Amino acid sequence: MSATLLSLDGQDDATLLREIRSALRDLRFGSVEITVHNGQVVQIERKEKFRLQHQPGKPA
């Protein structure tokens, strides 16, 4: 999942926390970025990385 723009204008704190928890759910490697403009959360961005393990004996 890459950038996701959420319309959060006028949302209450409980809704914002629910959206942040949702972005963090099942995230193993990556980041969640919260963008604020004029004291309002305007965007929550989730960046997820998938780590591949190199198996010995196989070409990379």
Protein backbone atom coordinates (compact mmCIF):
# COMPACT_ATOMS: atom_id res chain seq x y z
CA MET A 1 0.00 0.00 0.00
CA SER A 2 1.39 3.40 -0.87
CA ALA A 3 0.05 6.89 -0.18
CA THR A 4 -3.57 7.16 0.86
CA LEU A 5 -5.32 10.50 1.17
CA LEU A 6 -8.16 10.51 3.67
CA SER A 7 -10.76 13.22 3.97
CA LEU A 8 -10.53 13.93 7.69
CA ASP A 9 -11.83 17.50 7.90
CA GLY A 10 -14.12 17.91 10.88
CA GLN A 11 -13.49 14.40 12.21
CA ASP A 12 -13.43 13.86 15.96
CA ASP A 13 -10.47 12.44 17.90
CA ALA A 14 -11.99 8.96 18.13
CA THR A 15 -12.32 8.77 14.34
CA LEU A 16 -8.74 9.96 13.84
CA LEU A 17 -7.41 7.38 16.32
CA ARG A 18 -9.42 4.66 14.58
CA GLU A 19 -7.89 5.61 11.22
CA ILE A 20 -4.37 5.64 12.70
CA ARG A 21 -4.91 2.23 14.32
CA SER A 22 -6.19 0.93 11.00
CA ALA A 23 -3.05 2.16 9.24
CA LEU A 24 -0.87 0.42 11.85
CA ARG A 25 -2.81 -2.84 11.83
CA ASP A 26 -0.75 -5.79 10.56
CA LEU A 27 2.15 -3.51 9.57
CA ARG A 28 5.38 -5.50 10.02
CA PHE A 29 7.92 -3.32 8.20
CA GLY A 30 7.23 0.24 7.13
CA SER A 31 5.97 3.55 8.42
CA VAL A 32 2.84 5.59 9.05
CA GLU A 33 3.08 9.32 8.42
CA ILE A 34 0.49 11.79 9.72
CA THR A 35 0.35 15.15 7.94
CA VAL A 36 -1.04 18.17 9.82
CA HIS A 37 -1.96 21.57 8.34
CA ASN A 38 -3.13 24.44 10.54
CA GLY A 39 -3.60 22.07 13.49
CA GLN A 40 -5.78 19.63 11.51
CA VAL A 41 -4.88 16.12 10.40
CA VAL A 42 -5.25 16.16 6.63
CA GLN A 43 -3.51 12.97 5.54
CA ILE A 44 -2.48 9.57 6.84
CA GLU A 45 0.07 7.78 4.68
CA ARG A 46 1.06 4.14 5.11
CA LYS A 47 4.21 2.81 3.48
CA GLU A 48 4.74 -0.92 3.72
CA LYS A 49 7.89 -2.83 2.89
CA PHE A 50 8.06 -6.50 2.09
CA ARG A 51 11.36 -8.05 3.10
CA LEU A 52 12.53 -10.98 1.05
CA GLN A 53 14.97 -13.39 2.62
CA HIS A 54 17.89 -14.65 0.56
CA GLN A 55 18.07 -18.43 0.60
CA PRO A 56 21.63 -19.83 0.68
CA GLY A 57 22.61 -21.77 -2.45
CA LYS A 58 20.23 -19.89 -4.75
CA PRO A 59 21.34 -17.02 -7.01
CA ALA A 60 20.26 -13.56 -5.84
